[in-house]
C-alpha atoms as a PDB file:
ATOM      1  CA  MET A   1     129.777 102.187 138.572  1.00  0.00           C
ATOM      2  CA  SER A   2     127.424 100.282 140.374  1.00  0.00           C
ATOM      3  CA  TRP A   3     123.661 100.871 140.581  1.00  0.00           C
ATOM      4  CA  LEU A   4     120.465 100.283 142.169  1.00  0.00           C
ATOM      5  CA  GLN A   5     117.773  98.932 139.863  1.00  0.00           C
ATOM      6  CA  LEU A   6     114.083  99.549 141.078  1.00  0.00           C
ATOM      7  CA  SER A   7     111.003  98.392 139.893  1.00  0.00           C
ATOM      8  CA  ILE A   8     107.742 100.342 139.998  1.00  0.00           C
ATOM      9  CA  ALA A   9     104.218  99.314 139.329  1.00  0.00           C
ATOM     10  CA  ALA A  10     101.861 102.161 137.964  1.00  0.00           C
ATOM     11  CA  GLY A  11      98.495 102.253 135.920  1.00  0.00           C
ATOM     12  CA  ARG A  12      99.163 103.431 132.312  1.00  0.00           C
ATOM     13  CA  ASP A  13      97.664 106.970 133.049  1.00  0.00           C
ATOM     14  CA  ARG A  14     100.315 107.366 135.921  1.00  0.00           C
ATOM     15  CA  VAL A  15     103.850 106.698 133.980  1.00  0.00           C
ATOM     16  CA  ASP A  16     104.502 110.272 133.100  1.00  0.00           C
ATOM     17  CA  ALA A  17     103.911 111.355 136.771  1.00  0.00           C
ATOM     18  CA  VAL A  18     105.878 108.442 138.086  1.00  0.00           C
ATOM     19  CA  SER A  19     108.770 109.041 135.229  1.00  0.00           C
ATOM     20  CA  ALA A  20     108.879 112.252 136.457  1.00  0.00           C
ATOM     21  CA  VAL A  21     109.370 111.708 140.141  1.00  0.00           C
ATOM     22  CA  LEU A  22     112.186 109.216 139.187  1.00  0.00           C
ATOM     23  CA  GLU A  23     113.831 111.838 136.956  1.00  0.00           C
ATOM     24  CA  GLY A  24     113.457 114.062 139.798  1.00  0.00           C
ATOM     25  CA  HIS A  25     115.574 111.509 142.072  1.00  0.00           C
ATOM     26  CA  GLY A  26     118.277 111.103 139.466  1.00  0.00           C
ATOM     27  CA  ALA A  27     116.923 108.016 137.888  1.00  0.00           C
ATOM     28  CA  SER A  28     118.318 107.053 134.472  1.00  0.00           C
ATOM     29  CA  ALA A  29     117.605 104.219 131.858  1.00  0.00           C
ATOM     30  CA  VAL A  30     113.869 104.139 132.477  1.00  0.00           C
ATOM     31  CA  SER A  31     112.443 101.269 130.674  1.00  0.00           C
ATOM     32  CA  LEU A  32     108.834 100.005 130.511  1.00  0.00           C
ATOM     33  CA  SER A  33     107.218  96.362 130.316  1.00  0.00           C
ATOM     34  CA  ALA A  34     104.264  94.782 131.165  1.00  0.00           C
ATOM     35  CA  ALA A  35     103.213  94.312 134.743  1.00  0.00           C
ATOM     36  CA  GLY A  36     101.429  91.078 133.605  1.00  0.00           C
ATOM     37  CA  GLU A  37     100.443  88.958 130.526  1.00  0.00           C
ATOM     38  CA  GLU A  38      98.878  91.714 128.354  1.00  0.00           C
ATOM     39  CA  GLU A  39     100.239  91.834 125.020  1.00  0.00           C
ATOM     40  CA  LEU A  40     101.131  95.526 123.709  1.00  0.00           C
ATOM     41  CA  LEU A  41      99.389  96.367 120.417  1.00  0.00           C
ATOM     42  CA  GLU A  42     101.075  98.700 117.740  1.00  0.00           C
ATOM     43  CA  PRO A  43     100.324 102.286 118.446  1.00  0.00           C
ATOM     44  CA  ALA A  44      98.013 104.979 116.611  1.00  0.00           C
ATOM     45  CA  PRO A  45      99.885 107.553 115.560  1.00  0.00           C
ATOM     46  CA  GLY A  46     100.406 110.357 118.510  1.00  0.00           C
ATOM     47  CA  ALA A  47      98.988 107.650 120.938  1.00  0.00           C
ATOM     48  CA  GLN A  48     100.893 106.499 124.129  1.00  0.00           C
ATOM     49  CA  PRO A  49     101.780 102.956 123.360  1.00  0.00           C
ATOM     50  CA  LEU A  50     101.464 101.538 126.874  1.00  0.00           C
ATOM     51  CA  TRP A  51      99.687  98.626 128.735  1.00  0.00           C
ATOM     52  CA  GLN A  52      97.247  99.159 131.390  1.00  0.00           C
ATOM     53  CA  GLN A  53      99.537  98.147 133.985  1.00  0.00           C
ATOM     54  CA  VAL A  54     103.055  99.102 133.506  1.00  0.00           C
ATOM     55  CA  LYS A  55     106.432  98.147 135.326  1.00  0.00           C
ATOM     56  CA  LEU A  56     108.931 100.535 135.427  1.00  0.00           C
ATOM     57  CA  ASP A  57     112.387  99.601 135.776  1.00  0.00           C
ATOM     58  CA  ALA A  58     115.205 102.404 136.443  1.00  0.00           C
ATOM     59  CA  LEU A  59     118.773 102.858 137.729  1.00  0.00           C
ATOM     60  CA  VAL A  60     119.554 105.187 140.323  1.00  0.00           C
ATOM     61  CA  GLU A  61     123.059 105.680 142.380  1.00  0.00           C
ATOM     62  CA  PRO A  62     123.415 103.483 145.333  1.00  0.00           C
ATOM     63  CA  GLY A  63     123.349 106.916 147.684  1.00  0.00           C
ATOM     64  CA  THR A  64     119.293 107.699 146.562  1.00  0.00           C
ATOM     65  CA  ASP A  65     117.506 108.089 149.542  1.00  0.00           C
ATOM     66  CA  LEU A  66     114.786 105.423 148.799  1.00  0.00           C
ATOM     67  CA  THR A  67     112.559 106.452 151.988  1.00  0.00           C
ATOM     68  CA  ALA A  68     112.214 109.811 150.039  1.00  0.00           C
ATOM     69  CA  LEU A  69     111.686 108.612 146.831  1.00  0.00           C
ATOM     70  CA  ARG A  70     108.781 105.791 147.974  1.00  0.00           C
ATOM     71  CA  THR A  71     107.265 108.575 149.626  1.00  0.00           C
ATOM     72  CA  ALA A  72     107.122 110.697 146.613  1.00  0.00           C
ATOM     73  CA  LEU A  73     105.987 107.963 144.456  1.00  0.00           C
ATOM     74  CA  GLU A  74     102.842 107.157 146.108  1.00  0.00           C
ATOM     75  CA  PRO A  75     100.958 110.179 145.615  1.00  0.00           C
ATOM     76  CA  ALA A  76     102.174 110.091 141.991  1.00  0.00           C
ATOM     77  CA  GLY A  77     100.618 106.651 141.603  1.00  0.00           C
ATOM     78  CA  GLY A  78     103.528 104.437 142.066  1.00  0.00           C
ATOM     79  CA  ARG A  79     104.324 101.511 143.851  1.00  0.00           C
ATOM     80  CA  LEU A  80     108.114 100.206 144.589  1.00  0.00           C
ATOM     81  CA  LEU A  81     108.016  96.548 143.838  1.00  0.00           C
ATOM     82  CA  ASP A  82     111.827  95.794 144.282  1.00  0.00           C
ATOM     83  CA  VAL A  83     115.308  97.164 144.392  1.00  0.00           C
ATOM     84  CA  ARG A  84     118.269  95.330 143.631  1.00  0.00           C
ATOM     85  CA  PHE A  85     122.079  95.903 143.242  1.00  0.00           C
ATOM     86  CA  LEU A  86     123.645  96.020 139.906  1.00  0.00           C
ATOM     87  CA  ALA A  87     127.341  96.126 139.345  1.00  0.00           C
ATOM     88  CA  GLN A  88     128.229  97.827 135.697  1.00  0.00           C
ATOM     89  CA  ASP A  89     128.636  94.408 134.195  1.00  0.00           C
ATOM     90  CA  ASP A  90     125.257  93.396 135.227  1.00  0.00           C
ATOM     91  CA  TRP A  91     123.817  96.461 134.149  1.00  0.00           C
ATOM     92  CA  GLN A  92     125.110  96.150 130.577  1.00  0.00           C
ATOM     93  CA  ASN A  93     123.945  92.674 130.113  1.00  0.00           C
ATOM     94  CA  ALA A  94     120.393  93.469 131.686  1.00  0.00           C
ATOM     95  CA  TRP A  95     120.196  96.219 129.219  1.00  0.00           C
ATOM     96  CA  ARG A  96     121.600  94.201 126.192  1.00  0.00           C
ATOM     97  CA  ALA A  97     119.058  91.354 127.181  1.00  0.00           C
ATOM     98  CA  HIS A  98     116.139  93.854 125.486  1.00  0.00           C
ATOM     99  CA  ALA A  99     118.075  94.391 122.289  1.00  0.00           C
ATOM    100  CA  VAL A 100     117.303  92.819 119.005  1.00  0.00           C
ATOM    101  CA  HIS A 101     119.636  90.854 116.587  1.00  0.00           C
ATOM    102  CA  ALA A 102     118.230  89.891 113.554  1.00  0.00           C
ATOM    103  CA  ARG A 103     118.654  89.698 109.586  1.00  0.00           C
ATOM    104  CA  PHE A 104     115.822  90.770 107.279  1.00  0.00           C
ATOM    105  CA  GLY A 105     116.187  89.577 103.831  1.00  0.00           C
ATOM    106  CA  GLU A 106     119.316  89.126 102.206  1.00  0.00           C
ATOM    107  CA  ARG A 107     121.098  92.166 103.311  1.00  0.00           C
ATOM    108  CA  LEU A 108     119.623  94.356 106.458  1.00  0.00           C
ATOM    109  CA  TRP A 109     121.003  93.296 109.781  1.00  0.00           C
ATOM    110  CA  LEU A 110     119.490  94.964 112.987  1.00  0.00           C
ATOM    111  CA  VAL A 111     121.841  95.132 116.137  1.00  0.00           C
ATOM    112  CA  PRO A 112     122.299  96.827 119.314  1.00  0.00           C
ATOM    113  CA  ARG A 113     124.210 100.140 118.987  1.00  0.00           C
ATOM    114  CA  ASP A 114     127.241  98.890 121.249  1.00  0.00           C
ATOM    115  CA  GLU A 115     127.854  95.239 119.676  1.00  0.00           C
ATOM    116  CA  ALA A 116     130.894  94.927 117.705  1.00  0.00           C
ATOM    117  CA  PHE A 117     129.240  93.417 114.504  1.00  0.00           C
ATOM    118  CA  GLU A 118     130.386  92.946 110.932  1.00  0.00           C
ATOM    119  CA  ALA A 119     127.828  91.730 108.462  1.00  0.00           C
ATOM    120  CA  PRO A 120     128.915  88.976 106.083  1.00  0.00           C
ATOM    121  CA  ALA A 121     129.738  89.733 102.518  1.00  0.00           C
ATOM    122  CA  GLY A 122     127.716  87.950  99.861  1.00  0.00           C
ATOM    123  CA  GLY A 123     125.435  88.947  96.939  1.00  0.00           C
ATOM    124  CA  ASP A 124     126.127  92.122  94.669  1.00  0.00           C
ATOM    125  CA  GLU A 125     125.032  94.826  97.306  1.00  0.00           C
ATOM    126  CA  ALA A 126     126.731  95.587 100.372  1.00  0.00           C
ATOM    127  CA  PRO A 127     124.899  94.907 103.704  1.00  0.00           C
ATOM    128  CA  ALA A 128     122.852  97.565 105.625  1.00  0.00           C
ATOM    129  CA  VAL A 129     123.346  97.346 109.296  1.00  0.00           C
ATOM    130  CA  LEU A 130     120.802  99.122 111.323  1.00  0.00           C
ATOM    131  CA  ARG A 131     121.968  99.730 114.694  1.00  0.00           C
ATOM    132  CA  LEU A 132     119.553 100.658 117.355  1.00  0.00           C
ATOM    133  CA  ASP A 133     119.238 100.668 121.341  1.00  0.00           C
ATOM    134  CA  PRO A 134     116.560  98.476 122.722  1.00  0.00           C
ATOM    135  CA  GLY A 135     113.252 100.293 123.955  1.00  0.00           C
ATOM    136  CA  LEU A 136     109.654  99.646 123.768  1.00  0.00           C
ATOM    137  CA  ALA A 137     108.547  96.600 121.611  1.00  0.00           C
ATOM    138  CA  PHE A 138     107.097  98.875 118.971  1.00  0.00           C
ATOM    139  CA  GLY A 139     110.234 100.652 118.464  1.00  0.00           C
ATOM    140  CA  SER A 140     113.191  98.173 118.620  1.00  0.00           C
ATOM    141  CA  GLY A 141     112.139  95.503 115.888  1.00  0.00           C
ATOM    142  CA  SER A 142     111.007  92.950 118.453  1.00  0.00           C
ATOM    143  CA  HIS A 143     107.162  93.394 117.735  1.00  0.00           C
ATOM    144  CA  PRO A 144     105.936  91.119 115.055  1.00  0.00           C
ATOM    145  CA  THR A 145     104.634  93.859 112.872  1.00  0.00           C
ATOM    146  CA  THR A 146     107.829  95.731 112.922  1.00  0.00           C
ATOM    147  CA  ARG A 147     109.645  92.742 111.923  1.00  0.00           C
ATOM    148  CA  LEU A 148     107.029  92.154 109.093  1.00  0.00           C
ATOM    149  CA  CYS A 149     107.520  95.619 107.878  1.00  0.00           C
ATOM    150  CA  LEU A 150     111.426  95.343 107.876  1.00  0.00           C
ATOM    151  CA  ALA A 151     111.262  92.229 106.062  1.00  0.00           C
ATOM    152  CA  GLY A 152     108.853  93.921 103.494  1.00  0.00           C
ATOM    153  CA  LEU A 153     111.240  96.740 103.171  1.00  0.00           C
ATOM    154  CA  ALA A 154     114.218  94.657 102.415  1.00  0.00           C
ATOM    155  CA  ALA A 155     112.312  92.917  99.729  1.00  0.00           C
ATOM    156  CA  LEU A 156     112.186  95.919  97.757  1.00  0.00           C
ATOM    157  CA  PRO A 157     114.636  97.688  95.354  1.00  0.00           C
ATOM    158  CA  LEU A 158     114.398 101.016  97.024  1.00  0.00           C
ATOM    159  CA  ASP A 159     117.359 102.588  95.327  1.00  0.00           C
ATOM    160  CA  GLY A 160     116.635 105.998  94.179  1.00  0.00           C
ATOM    161  CA  LEU A 161     112.959 105.962  95.403  1.00  0.00           C
ATOM    162  CA  ARG A 162     111.280 108.400  97.768  1.00  0.00           C
ATOM    163  CA  VAL A 163     110.065 106.608 100.980  1.00  0.00           C
ATOM    164  CA  LEU A 164     107.443 107.740 103.756  1.00  0.00           C
ATOM    165  CA  ASP A 165     107.288 106.206 107.265  1.00  0.00           C
ATOM    166  CA  TYR A 166     103.864 107.400 108.596  1.00  0.00           C
ATOM    167  CA  GLY A 167     103.705 106.960 112.290  1.00  0.00           C
ATOM    168  CA  CYS A 168     107.287 106.374 112.537  1.00  0.00           C
ATOM    169  CA  GLY A 169     107.835 105.791 116.266  1.00  0.00           C
ATOM    170  CA  SER A 170     111.389 105.438 116.844  1.00  0.00           C
ATOM    171  CA  GLY A 171     112.307 105.669 113.330  1.00  0.00           C
ATOM    172  CA  VAL A 172     113.560 102.358 112.822  1.00  0.00           C
ATOM    173  CA  LEU A 173     111.743 101.852 109.313  1.00  0.00           C
ATOM    174  CA  ALA A 174     112.522 104.933 108.123  1.00  0.00           C
ATOM    175  CA  VAL A 175     116.160 104.458 109.099  1.00  0.00           C
ATOM    176  CA  ALA A 176     116.109 100.949 107.448  1.00  0.00           C
ATOM    177  CA  ALA A 177     114.948 102.422 104.408  1.00  0.00           C
ATOM    178  CA  SER A 178     117.495 104.893 104.044  1.00  0.00           C
ATOM    179  CA  LEU A 179     120.384 102.645 104.811  1.00  0.00           C
ATOM    180  CA  LEU A 180     118.597  99.946 102.153  1.00  0.00           C
ATOM    181  CA  GLY A 181     119.327 102.875  99.400  1.00  0.00           C
ATOM    182  CA  ALA A 182     116.143 105.238  99.322  1.00  0.00           C
ATOM    183  CA  ARG A 183     117.003 108.540  97.858  1.00  0.00           C
ATOM    184  CA  HIS A 184     115.089 110.299 100.539  1.00  0.00           C
ATOM    185  CA  VAL A 185     112.893 109.099 103.455  1.00  0.00           C
ATOM    186  CA  VAL A 186     110.411 111.200 105.472  1.00  0.00           C
ATOM    187  CA  ALA A 187     109.464 109.954 108.658  1.00  0.00           C
ATOM    188  CA  VAL A 188     106.255 111.338 110.177  1.00  0.00           C
ATOM    189  CA  ASP A 189     104.703 111.323 113.479  1.00  0.00           C
ATOM    190  CA  HIS A 190     102.501 113.381 116.125  1.00  0.00           C
ATOM    191  CA  ASP A 191     104.301 112.398 118.917  1.00  0.00           C
ATOM    192  CA  ALA A 192     107.295 114.848 119.709  1.00  0.00           C
ATOM    193  CA  GLN A 193     109.188 112.392 121.480  1.00  0.00           C
ATOM    194  CA  ALA A 194     108.948 110.191 118.496  1.00  0.00           C
ATOM    195  CA  LEU A 195     110.305 112.611 116.253  1.00  0.00           C
ATOM    196  CA  PHE A 196     113.231 113.155 118.656  1.00  0.00           C
ATOM    197  CA  ALA A 197     113.968 109.289 118.951  1.00  0.00           C
ATOM    198  CA  THR A 198     113.839 109.124 115.014  1.00  0.00           C
ATOM    199  CA  ARG A 199     116.560 111.982 114.879  1.00  0.00           C
ATOM    200  CA  ASP A 200     118.731 110.580 117.194  1.00  0.00           C
ATOM    201  CA  ASN A 201     118.640 106.937 115.612  1.00  0.00           C
ATOM    202  CA  ALA A 202     119.242 108.412 112.272  1.00  0.00           C
ATOM    203  CA  ALA A 203     122.313 110.437 113.436  1.00  0.00           C
ATOM    204  CA  TYR A 204     123.670 107.369 115.199  1.00  0.00           C
ATOM    205  CA  ASN A 205     123.544 105.587 112.085  1.00  0.00           C
ATOM    206  CA  ASP A 206     125.071 108.563 109.904  1.00  0.00           C
ATOM    207  CA  ILE A 207     122.169 109.488 108.127  1.00  0.00           C
ATOM    208  CA  ASP A 208     121.915 113.453 107.622  1.00  0.00           C
ATOM    209  CA  ASP A 209     118.830 115.351 107.099  1.00  0.00           C
ATOM    210  CA  ALA A 210     119.456 115.670 103.459  1.00  0.00           C
ATOM    211  CA  GLU A 211     118.728 112.023 103.417  1.00  0.00           C
ATOM    212  CA  LEU A 212     115.994 111.710 106.050  1.00  0.00           C
ATOM    213  CA  SER A 213     113.419 114.375 107.168  1.00  0.00           C
ATOM    214  CA  VAL A 214     111.489 114.345 110.136  1.00  0.00           C
ATOM    215  CA  LEU A 215     108.120 116.053 110.511  1.00  0.00           C
ATOM    216  CA  ALA A 216     104.810 116.405 111.854  1.00  0.00           C
ATOM    217  CA  PRO A 217     102.193 115.041 109.810  1.00  0.00           C
ATOM    218  CA  ASP A 218     100.863 118.920 109.104  1.00  0.00           C
ATOM    219  CA  GLU A 219     104.503 119.819 107.606  1.00  0.00           C
ATOM    220  CA  LEU A 220     104.213 117.134 104.755  1.00  0.00           C
ATOM    221  CA  GLU A 221     102.711 119.792 102.533  1.00  0.00           C
ATOM    222  CA  THR A 222     105.962 122.066 102.989  1.00  0.00           C
ATOM    223  CA  LEU A 223     108.061 119.423 101.229  1.00  0.00           C
ATOM    224  CA  PRO A 224     109.296 120.952  97.977  1.00  0.00           C
ATOM    225  CA  ALA A 225     109.446 117.789  96.036  1.00  0.00           C
ATOM    226  CA  GLY A 226     105.863 117.111  95.801  1.00  0.00           C
ATOM    227  CA  GLY A 227     103.544 115.069  98.231  1.00  0.00           C
ATOM    228  CA  GLU A 228     103.592 111.769  96.325  1.00  0.00           C
ATOM    229  CA  PHE A 229     106.177 109.023  97.495  1.00  0.00           C
ATOM    230  CA  ASP A 230     107.451 105.725  95.627  1.00  0.00           C
ATOM    231  CA  VAL A 231     107.036 103.536  98.697  1.00  0.00           C
ATOM    232  CA  VAL A 232     104.642 104.352 102.029  1.00  0.00           C
ATOM    233  CA  VAL A 233     104.905 102.510 104.704  1.00  0.00           C
ATOM    234  CA  ALA A 234     102.341 102.627 107.712  1.00  0.00           C
ATOM    235  CA  ASN A 235     102.724 100.420 110.804  1.00  0.00           C
ATOM    236  CA  ILE A 236      99.805 101.819 112.958  1.00  0.00           C
ATOM    237  CA  LEU A 237      96.582 100.046 114.423  1.00  0.00           C
ATOM    238  CA  ALA A 238      93.725  99.192 112.145  1.00  0.00           C
ATOM    239  CA  ASN A 239      91.376 102.150 112.840  1.00  0.00           C
ATOM    240  CA  PRO A 240      93.841 104.818 112.134  1.00  0.00           C
ATOM    241  CA  LEU A 241      94.752 103.057 108.971  1.00  0.00           C
ATOM    242  CA  LEU A 242      90.991 103.208 108.208  1.00  0.00           C
ATOM    243  CA  GLU A 243      90.785 106.990 108.920  1.00  0.00           C
ATOM    244  CA  LEU A 244      93.779 107.453 107.002  1.00  0.00           C
ATOM    245  CA  ALA A 245      92.988 105.546 103.884  1.00  0.00           C
ATOM    246  CA  PRO A 246      92.195 108.570 101.663  1.00  0.00           C
ATOM    247  CA  ARG A 247      95.816 110.436 102.712  1.00  0.00           C
ATOM    248  CA  LEU A 248      97.809 107.327 102.668  1.00  0.00           C
ATOM    249  CA  THR A 249      96.443 106.586  99.155  1.00  0.00           C
ATOM    250  CA  GLY A 250      96.877 109.917  98.100  1.00  0.00           C
ATOM    251  CA  LEU A 251     100.567 110.319  99.345  1.00  0.00           C
ATOM    252  CA  THR A 252     101.323 106.859  97.328  1.00  0.00           C
ATOM    253  CA  ALA A 253     102.354 107.572  93.510  1.00  0.00           C
ATOM    254  CA  VAL A 254     100.236 105.862  91.134  1.00  0.00           C
ATOM    255  CA  GLY A 255     102.221 102.352  90.635  1.00  0.00           C
ATOM    256  CA  GLY A 256     103.780 102.828  94.029  1.00  0.00           C
ATOM    257  CA  ARG A 257     104.008 100.532  96.894  1.00  0.00           C
ATOM    258  CA  LEU A 258     101.941 100.740  99.909  1.00  0.00           C
ATOM    259  CA  LEU A 259     102.936  98.607 103.031  1.00  0.00           C
ATOM    260  CA  LEU A 260     100.567  98.305 106.056  1.00  0.00           C
ATOM    261  CA  SER A 261     100.614  96.634 109.336  1.00  0.00           C
ATOM    262  CA  GLY A 262      99.789  96.827 112.830  1.00  0.00           C
ATOM    263  CA  LEU A 263      97.098  94.361 111.669  1.00  0.00           C
ATOM    264  CA  LEU A 264      95.464  91.143 112.969  1.00  0.00           C
ATOM    265  CA  ALA A 265      94.713  88.625 110.194  1.00  0.00           C
ATOM    266  CA  SER A 266      90.973  89.247 111.089  1.00  0.00           C
ATOM    267  CA  GLN A 267      91.193  92.808 109.984  1.00  0.00           C
ATOM    268  CA  HIS A 268      92.060  91.768 106.514  1.00  0.00           C
ATOM    269  CA  ASP A 269      89.158  92.261 104.669  1.00  0.00           C
ATOM    270  CA  MET A 270      87.856  95.676 106.242  1.00  0.00           C
ATOM    271  CA  ILE A 271      91.481  97.569 105.612  1.00  0.00           C
ATOM    272  CA  VAL A 272      91.551  96.113 101.752  1.00  0.00           C
ATOM    273  CA  ARG A 273      87.653  97.440 101.318  1.00  0.00           C
ATOM    274  CA  ALA A 274      89.183 100.937 102.830  1.00  0.00           C
ATOM    275  CA  TYR A 275      91.724 101.266  99.996  1.00  0.00           C
ATOM    276  CA  PRO A 276      89.908 100.743  96.626  1.00  0.00           C
ATOM    277  CA  GLN A 277      92.562 102.247  94.876  1.00  0.00           C
ATOM    278  CA  VAL A 278      95.267  99.902  95.828  1.00  0.00           C
ATOM    279  CA  ALA A 279      95.700  96.207  94.401  1.00  0.00           C
ATOM    280  CA  PHE A 280      96.987  94.102  97.373  1.00  0.00           C
ATOM    281  CA  ALA A 281      98.662  90.812  97.236  1.00  0.00           C
ATOM    282  CA  GLU A 282      98.366  88.093  99.811  1.00  0.00           C
ATOM    283  CA  PRO A 283      99.394  89.284 103.107  1.00  0.00           C
ATOM    284  CA  ALA A 284     102.326  88.296 104.837  1.00  0.00           C
ATOM    285  CA  GLN A 285     101.879  86.810 108.170  1.00  0.00           C
ATOM    286  CA  GLU A 286     103.503  86.199 111.407  1.00  0.00           C
ATOM    287  CA  ALA A 287     101.304  84.607 114.334  1.00  0.00           C
ATOM    288  CA  GLU A 288      98.082  86.454 114.288  1.00  0.00           C
ATOM    289  CA  TRP A 289      99.507  89.603 112.498  1.00  0.00           C
ATOM    290  CA  ILE A 290      99.757  90.533 109.224  1.00  0.00           C
ATOM    291  CA  ARG A 291     101.528  92.906 106.890  1.00  0.00           C
ATOM    292  CA  LEU A 292      99.580  93.844 103.496  1.00  0.00           C
ATOM    293  CA  ASP A 293     101.568  95.181 100.218  1.00  0.00           C
ATOM    294  CA  GLY A 294      99.771  96.785  97.556  1.00  0.00           C
ATOM    295  CA  ARG A 295     100.339  98.938  94.481  1.00  0.00           C
ATOM    296  CA  ARG A 296      98.391 102.171  93.707  1.00  0.00           C
ATOM    297  CA  ARG A 297      96.321 101.947  90.795  1.00  0.00           C
ATOM    298  CA  ALA A 298      95.666 104.941  88.670  1.00  0.00           C
END
């Protein structure tokens, strides 16, 4: 099937309205990117992780009434920038261009869902292959802080452990932990869309509800196995990490691991001071971003 690819500009606060107009006109495969050079930071829990000026790319059928669509976009705050024809092969290649293919540690691979891939054998443990569709930078594995967290999880012996992914987004870290052998993983987010995406990605990777629970933050207290985890990972911004310090510390078992990211190197000291019960090692760093690894003291 062939498609028309539309590119629309909108302010951050108009993305939902523009997306609704596109959906009403039969658009599919809507993706978001920066309209300029602005960098996207990792989102706080429940925050919409968007740039100030956003470009929406969407696919519509060739027979779509573009005049009516343009007319509907204007009051919603959208401006049609470009329309081009895409054959089926062009669409598949354009979608795949946003996908991530990477290896973390000795046995974790991140690849697109539709890619024919078999991880090379090696070592004593079977490789873990995480299949994920491309999406926003914070959820696809392409952002430095996500890569840092995936590398941190891949370096830990997770077999038989309970793992918490607080602020899970697309669930990439939670799914990775499960594939790496965690006994039970809990993924937590305020955003209902994030919870849906996490469930979808878990199901696609053959992870069932008994292995990975997807919850809102206030549902953590309902867990029958208690509220402490062997490993807690939180890939969110510095301010939420400061506000959540007592909660994240309390969710980490004594002697357990706490992995924090979404941080700039310049924010290292203030985050460490907010977690006095955690002994942190030297940070892992990629560009200006860091990951803090610590153990909770008694």
